[in-house]
């Protein structure tokens, strides 16, 4: 199970992810069990990560799930 926590549309914590698929300035794709978490926005970056939790920072425009 994956838990996504948003703080003020500027920080997201992703708990329970599997791997990072791609990182760009305006889009980050993260594999979470059987779905892909897609975060789109401006000046996105991975602020910190461990094998279990990740923090993404930037100005979020859209957050969605894809198979």
PDB file of N, CA and C in Angstrom:
ATOM      1  N   UNK A   1       0.834  -1.178   0.000  1.00  0.00           N
ATOM      2  CA  UNK A   1       0.000   0.000   0.000  1.00  0.00           C
ATOM      3  C   UNK A   1       0.886   1.251   0.000  1.00  0.00           C
ATOM      4  N   UNK A   2       0.453   2.263  -0.724  1.00  0.00           N
ATOM      5  CA  UNK A   2       1.175   3.519  -0.811  1.00  0.00           C
ATOM      6  C   UNK A   2       0.344   4.618  -0.163  1.00  0.00           C
ATOM      7  N   UNK A   3       1.022   5.471   0.610  1.00  0.00           N
ATOM      8  CA  UNK A   3       0.341   6.611   1.212  1.00  0.00           C
ATOM      9  C   UNK A   3       0.973   7.883   0.675  1.00  0.00           C
ATOM     10  N   UNK A   4       0.130   8.813   0.216  1.00  0.00           N
ATOM     11  CA  UNK A   4       0.569  10.092  -0.306  1.00  0.00           C
ATOM     12  C   UNK A   4       0.050  11.187   0.618  1.00  0.00           C
ATOM     13  N   UNK A   5       0.962  12.018   1.129  1.00  0.00           N
ATOM     14  CA  UNK A   5       0.589  13.121   2.009  1.00  0.00           C
ATOM     15  C   UNK A   5       1.041  14.421   1.367  1.00  0.00           C
ATOM     16  N   UNK A   6       0.099  15.361   1.163  1.00  0.00           N
ATOM     17  CA  UNK A   6       0.405  16.657   0.568  1.00  0.00           C
ATOM     18  C   UNK A   6       0.410  17.734   1.633  1.00  0.00           C
ATOM     19  N   UNK A   7       1.357  18.665   1.522  1.00  0.00           N
ATOM     20  CA  UNK A   7       1.438  19.796   2.435  1.00  0.00           C
ATOM     21  C   UNK A   7       1.511  21.069   1.609  1.00  0.00           C
ATOM     22  N   UNK A   8       0.464  21.895   1.703  1.00  0.00           N
ATOM     23  CA  UNK A   8       0.410  23.213   1.059  1.00  0.00           C
ATOM     24  C   UNK A   8       0.738  23.207  -0.431  1.00  0.00           C
ATOM     25  N   UNK A   9       0.424  22.174  -1.144  1.00  0.00           N
ATOM     26  CA  UNK A   9       0.660  22.106  -2.589  1.00  0.00           C
ATOM     27  C   UNK A   9       2.119  22.361  -2.979  1.00  0.00           C
ATOM     28  N   UNK A  10       3.038  22.194  -2.010  1.00  0.00           N
ATOM     29  CA  UNK A  10       4.457  22.431  -2.256  1.00  0.00           C
ATOM     30  C   UNK A  10       5.341  21.275  -1.824  1.00  0.00           C
ATOM     31  N   UNK A  11       4.791  20.347  -1.049  1.00  0.00           N
ATOM     32  CA  UNK A  11       5.580  19.212  -0.590  1.00  0.00           C
ATOM     33  C   UNK A  11       4.686  17.978  -0.551  1.00  0.00           C
ATOM     34  N   UNK A  12       5.219  16.864  -1.026  1.00  0.00           N
ATOM     35  CA  UNK A  12       4.491  15.595  -1.010  1.00  0.00           C
ATOM     36  C   UNK A  12       5.385  14.523  -0.411  1.00  0.00           C
ATOM     37  N   UNK A  13       4.823  13.745   0.494  1.00  0.00           N
ATOM     38  CA  UNK A  13       5.517  12.582   1.044  1.00  0.00           C
ATOM     39  C   UNK A  13       4.875  11.341   0.444  1.00  0.00           C
ATOM     40  N   UNK A  14       5.693  10.474  -0.115  1.00  0.00           N
ATOM     41  CA  UNK A  14       5.223   9.228  -0.714  1.00  0.00           C
ATOM     42  C   UNK A  14       5.807   8.097   0.125  1.00  0.00           C
ATOM     43  N   UNK A  15       4.943   7.386   0.811  1.00  0.00           N
ATOM     44  CA  UNK A  15       5.355   6.301   1.687  1.00  0.00           C
ATOM     45  C   UNK A  15       4.959   4.980   1.041  1.00  0.00           C
ATOM     46  N   UNK A  16       5.920   4.090   0.835  1.00  0.00           N
ATOM     47  CA  UNK A  16       5.639   2.785   0.258  1.00  0.00           C
ATOM     48  C   UNK A  16       5.822   2.724  -1.247  1.00  0.00           C
ATOM     49  N   UNK A  17       6.746   3.491  -1.791  1.00  0.00           N
ATOM     50  CA  UNK A  17       6.998   3.443  -3.236  1.00  0.00           C
ATOM     51  C   UNK A  17       7.973   2.306  -3.548  1.00  0.00           C
ATOM     52  N   UNK A  18       8.031   1.911  -4.815  1.00  0.00           N
ATOM     53  CA  UNK A  18       8.968   0.859  -5.236  1.00  0.00           C
ATOM     54  C   UNK A  18      10.225   1.436  -5.868  1.00  0.00           C
ATOM     55  N   UNK A  19      10.056   2.348  -6.843  1.00  0.00           N
ATOM     56  CA  UNK A  19      11.228   2.919  -7.519  1.00  0.00           C
ATOM     57  C   UNK A  19      10.865   4.218  -8.218  1.00  0.00           C
ATOM     58  N   UNK A  20      11.889   4.969  -8.583  1.00  0.00           N
ATOM     59  CA  UNK A  20      11.726   6.196  -9.343  1.00  0.00           C
ATOM     60  C   UNK A  20      11.844   5.837 -10.820  1.00  0.00           C
ATOM     61  N   UNK A  21      10.840   6.200 -11.599  1.00  0.00           N
ATOM     62  CA  UNK A  21      10.860   5.900 -13.033  1.00  0.00           C
ATOM     63  C   UNK A  21      11.570   7.007 -13.799  1.00  0.00           C
ATOM     64  N   UNK A  22      11.192   8.264 -13.542  1.00  0.00           N
ATOM     65  CA  UNK A  22      11.830   9.388 -14.235  1.00  0.00           C
ATOM     66  C   UNK A  22      11.704  10.663 -13.408  1.00  0.00           C
ATOM     67  N   UNK A  23      12.695  11.534 -13.594  1.00  0.00           N
ATOM     68  CA  UNK A  23      12.720  12.819 -12.896  1.00  0.00           C
ATOM     69  C   UNK A  23      13.037  13.901 -13.916  1.00  0.00           C
ATOM     70  N   UNK A  24      12.137  14.864 -14.026  1.00  0.00           N
ATOM     71  CA  UNK A  24      12.364  16.036 -14.855  1.00  0.00           C
ATOM     72  C   UNK A  24      11.932  17.253 -14.057  1.00  0.00           C
ATOM     73  N   UNK A  25      12.280  18.434 -14.538  1.00  0.00           N
ATOM     74  CA  UNK A  25      11.941  19.674 -13.843  1.00  0.00           C
ATOM     75  C   UNK A  25      10.433  19.857 -13.690  1.00  0.00           C
ATOM     76  N   UNK A  26       9.660  19.331 -14.653  1.00  0.00           N
ATOM     77  CA  UNK A  26       8.211  19.539 -14.617  1.00  0.00           C
ATOM     78  C   UNK A  26       7.393  18.256 -14.425  1.00  0.00           C
ATOM     79  N   UNK A  27       8.059  17.104 -14.260  1.00  0.00           N
ATOM     80  CA  UNK A  27       7.331  15.855 -14.041  1.00  0.00           C
ATOM     81  C   UNK A  27       8.208  14.817 -13.359  1.00  0.00           C
ATOM     82  N   UNK A  28       7.627  14.152 -12.363  1.00  0.00           N
ATOM     83  CA  UNK A  28       8.293  13.039 -11.682  1.00  0.00           C
ATOM     84  C   UNK A  28       7.336  11.855 -11.721  1.00  0.00           C
ATOM     85  N   UNK A  29       7.845  10.697 -12.125  1.00  0.00           N
ATOM     86  CA  UNK A  29       7.060   9.461 -12.165  1.00  0.00           C
ATOM     87  C   UNK A  29       7.662   8.472 -11.175  1.00  0.00           C
ATOM     88  N   UNK A  30       6.793   7.926 -10.314  1.00  0.00           N
ATOM     89  CA  UNK A  30       7.227   7.032  -9.242  1.00  0.00           C
ATOM     90  C   UNK A  30       6.391   5.757  -9.300  1.00  0.00           C
ATOM     91  N   UNK A  31       7.052   4.604  -9.328  1.00  0.00           N
ATOM     92  CA  UNK A  31       6.352   3.319  -9.316  1.00  0.00           C
ATOM     93  C   UNK A  31       5.949   2.997  -7.881  1.00  0.00           C
ATOM     94  N   UNK A  32       4.642   2.768  -7.700  1.00  0.00           N
ATOM     95  CA  UNK A  32       4.078   2.451  -6.385  1.00  0.00           C
ATOM     96  C   UNK A  32       3.241   1.190  -6.514  1.00  0.00           C
ATOM     97  N   UNK A  33       3.794   0.066  -6.158  1.00  0.00           N
ATOM     98  CA  UNK A  33       3.133  -1.236  -6.259  1.00  0.00           C
ATOM     99  C   UNK A  33       2.639  -1.493  -7.678  1.00  0.00           C
ATOM    100  N   UNK A  34       1.336  -1.379  -7.940  1.00  0.00           N
ATOM    101  CA  UNK A  34       0.828  -1.713  -9.281  1.00  0.00           C
ATOM    102  C   UNK A  34       0.420  -0.481 -10.086  1.00  0.00           C
ATOM    103  N   UNK A  35       0.737   0.698  -9.600  1.00  0.00           N
ATOM    104  CA  UNK A  35       0.388   1.945 -10.301  1.00  0.00           C
ATOM    105  C   UNK A  35       1.578   2.896 -10.323  1.00  0.00           C
ATOM    106  N   UNK A  36       1.485   3.872 -11.216  1.00  0.00           N
ATOM    107  CA  UNK A  36       2.525   4.899 -11.324  1.00  0.00           C
ATOM    108  C   UNK A  36       1.945   6.217 -10.830  1.00  0.00           C
ATOM    109  N   UNK A  37       2.643   6.841  -9.899  1.00  0.00           N
ATOM    110  CA  UNK A  37       2.268   8.158  -9.408  1.00  0.00           C
ATOM    111  C   UNK A  37       2.949   9.191 -10.294  1.00  0.00           C
ATOM    112  N   UNK A  38       2.160  10.111 -10.858  1.00  0.00           N
ATOM    113  CA  UNK A  38       2.694  11.141 -11.746  1.00  0.00           C
ATOM    114  C   UNK A  38       2.462  12.499 -11.088  1.00  0.00           C
ATOM    115  N   UNK A  39       3.544  13.200 -10.805  1.00  0.00           N
ATOM    116  CA  UNK A  39       3.468  14.535 -10.214  1.00  0.00           C
ATOM    117  C   UNK A  39       3.956  15.518 -11.268  1.00  0.00           C
ATOM    118  N   UNK A  40       3.095  16.483 -11.625  1.00  0.00           N
ATOM    119  CA  UNK A  40       3.457  17.493 -12.611  1.00  0.00           C
ATOM    120  C   UNK A  40       3.421  18.862 -11.958  1.00  0.00           C
ATOM    121  N   UNK A  41       4.356  19.727 -12.373  1.00  0.00           N
ATOM    122  CA  UNK A  41       4.412  21.060 -11.795  1.00  0.00           C
ATOM    123  C   UNK A  41       5.635  21.815 -12.267  1.00  0.00           C
ATOM    124  N   UNK A  42       6.131  22.687 -11.405  1.00  0.00           N
ATOM    125  CA  UNK A  42       7.290  23.516 -11.721  1.00  0.00           C
ATOM    126  C   UNK A  42       8.384  23.298 -10.678  1.00  0.00           C
ATOM    127  N   UNK A  43       9.616  23.295 -11.136  1.00  0.00           N
ATOM    128  CA  UNK A  43      10.790  23.183 -10.265  1.00  0.00           C
ATOM    129  C   UNK A  43      10.675  22.006  -9.297  1.00  0.00           C
ATOM    130  N   UNK A  44      10.245  20.869  -9.824  1.00  0.00           N
ATOM    131  CA  UNK A  44      10.094  19.671  -8.995  1.00  0.00           C
ATOM    132  C   UNK A  44      11.450  19.060  -8.696  1.00  0.00           C
ATOM    133  N   UNK A  45      11.584  18.544  -7.490  1.00  0.00           N
ATOM    134  CA  UNK A  45      12.823  17.859  -7.105  1.00  0.00           C
ATOM    135  C   UNK A  45      12.510  16.882  -5.980  1.00  0.00           C
ATOM    136  N   UNK A  46      13.333  15.870  -5.895  1.00  0.00           N
ATOM    137  CA  UNK A  46      13.228  14.927  -4.794  1.00  0.00           C
ATOM    138  C   UNK A  46      14.112  15.468  -3.680  1.00  0.00           C
ATOM    139  N   UNK A  47      13.478  15.917  -2.613  1.00  0.00           N
ATOM    140  CA  UNK A  47      14.199  16.552  -1.509  1.00  0.00           C
ATOM    141  C   UNK A  47      14.926  15.525  -0.649  1.00  0.00           C
ATOM    142  N   UNK A  48      14.310  14.360  -0.459  1.00  0.00           N
ATOM    143  CA  UNK A  48      14.939  13.288   0.312  1.00  0.00           C
ATOM    144  C   UNK A  48      14.248  11.973  -0.013  1.00  0.00           C
ATOM    145  N   UNK A  49      14.962  10.887   0.217  1.00  0.00           N
ATOM    146  CA  UNK A  49      14.345   9.582   0.037  1.00  0.00           C
ATOM    147  C   UNK A  49      15.114   8.523   0.805  1.00  0.00           C
ATOM    148  N   UNK A  50      14.382   7.517   1.217  1.00  0.00           N
ATOM    149  CA  UNK A  50      14.944   6.314   1.816  1.00  0.00           C
ATOM    150  C   UNK A  50      14.372   5.158   1.007  1.00  0.00           C
ATOM    151  N   UNK A  51      14.594   3.965   1.436  1.00  0.00           N
ATOM    152  CA  UNK A  51      14.024   2.817   0.746  1.00  0.00           C
ATOM    153  C   UNK A  51      12.528   2.696   0.923  1.00  0.00           C
ATOM    154  N   UNK A  52      11.956   3.520   1.823  1.00  0.00           N
ATOM    155  CA  UNK A  52      10.529   3.417   2.132  1.00  0.00           C
ATOM    156  C   UNK A  52       9.771   4.704   1.818  1.00  0.00           C
ATOM    157  N   UNK A  53      10.366   5.864   2.136  1.00  0.00           N
ATOM    158  CA  UNK A  53       9.659   7.137   1.997  1.00  0.00           C
ATOM    159  C   UNK A  53      10.443   8.123   1.141  1.00  0.00           C
ATOM    160  N   UNK A  54       9.698   8.992   0.445  1.00  0.00           N
ATOM    161  CA  UNK A  54      10.304   9.996  -0.422  1.00  0.00           C
ATOM    162  C   UNK A  54       9.585  11.321  -0.195  1.00  0.00           C
ATOM    163  N   UNK A  55      10.336  12.427  -0.258  1.00  0.00           N
ATOM    164  CA  UNK A  55       9.748  13.767  -0.181  1.00  0.00           C
ATOM    165  C   UNK A  55      10.008  14.474  -1.506  1.00  0.00           C
ATOM    166  N   UNK A  56       8.946  14.975  -2.122  1.00  0.00           N
ATOM    167  CA  UNK A  56       9.033  15.714  -3.382  1.00  0.00           C
ATOM    168  C   UNK A  56       8.637  17.157  -3.099  1.00  0.00           C
ATOM    169  N   UNK A  57       9.432  18.101  -3.609  1.00  0.00           N
ATOM    170  CA  UNK A  57       9.137  19.514  -3.414  1.00  0.00           C
ATOM    171  C   UNK A  57       9.015  20.219  -4.751  1.00  0.00           C
ATOM    172  N   UNK A  58       8.292  21.309  -4.772  1.00  0.00           N
ATOM    173  CA  UNK A  58       8.099  22.118  -5.965  1.00  0.00           C
ATOM    174  C   UNK A  58       6.718  22.737  -5.933  1.00  0.00           C
ATOM    175  N   UNK A  59       6.286  23.276  -7.048  1.00  0.00           N
ATOM    176  CA  UNK A  59       4.941  23.834  -7.169  1.00  0.00           C
ATOM    177  C   UNK A  59       4.113  22.843  -7.990  1.00  0.00           C
ATOM    178  N   UNK A  60       3.174  22.160  -7.337  1.00  0.00           N
ATOM    179  CA  UNK A  60       2.401  21.107  -7.981  1.00  0.00           C
ATOM    180  C   UNK A  60       1.240  21.686  -8.783  1.00  0.00           C
ATOM    181  N   UNK A  61       1.066  21.159 -10.002  1.00  0.00           N
ATOM    182  CA  UNK A  61      -0.062  21.517 -10.843  1.00  0.00           C
ATOM    183  C   UNK A  61      -1.061  20.367 -10.919  1.00  0.00           C
ATOM    184  N   UNK A  62      -0.548  19.129 -10.967  1.00  0.00           N
ATOM    185  CA  UNK A  62      -1.420  17.966 -11.114  1.00  0.00           C
ATOM    186  C   UNK A  62      -0.743  16.744 -10.505  1.00  0.00           C
ATOM    187  N   UNK A  63      -1.539  15.932  -9.827  1.00  0.00           N
ATOM    188  CA  UNK A  63      -1.045  14.668  -9.295  1.00  0.00           C
ATOM    189  C   UNK A  63      -2.057  13.609  -9.716  1.00  0.00           C
ATOM    190  N   UNK A  64      -1.570  12.538 -10.367  1.00  0.00           N
ATOM    191  CA  UNK A  64      -2.475  11.512 -10.880  1.00  0.00           C
ATOM    192  C   UNK A  64      -1.831  10.141 -10.766  1.00  0.00           C
ATOM    193  N   UNK A  65      -2.659   9.114 -10.955  1.00  0.00           N
ATOM    194  CA  UNK A  65      -2.218   7.715 -10.949  1.00  0.00           C
ATOM    195  C   UNK A  65      -2.452   7.125 -12.335  1.00  0.00           C
ATOM    196  N   UNK A  66      -1.545   6.256 -12.759  1.00  0.00           N
ATOM    197  CA  UNK A  66      -1.666   5.584 -14.045  1.00  0.00           C
ATOM    198  C   UNK A  66      -1.283   4.121 -13.876  1.00  0.00           C
ATOM    199  N   UNK A  67      -1.802   3.268 -14.717  1.00  0.00           N
ATOM    200  CA  UNK A  67      -1.410   1.844 -14.682  1.00  0.00           C
ATOM    201  C   UNK A  67      -0.211   1.587 -15.532  1.00  0.00           C
TER     202      UNK A  67
END
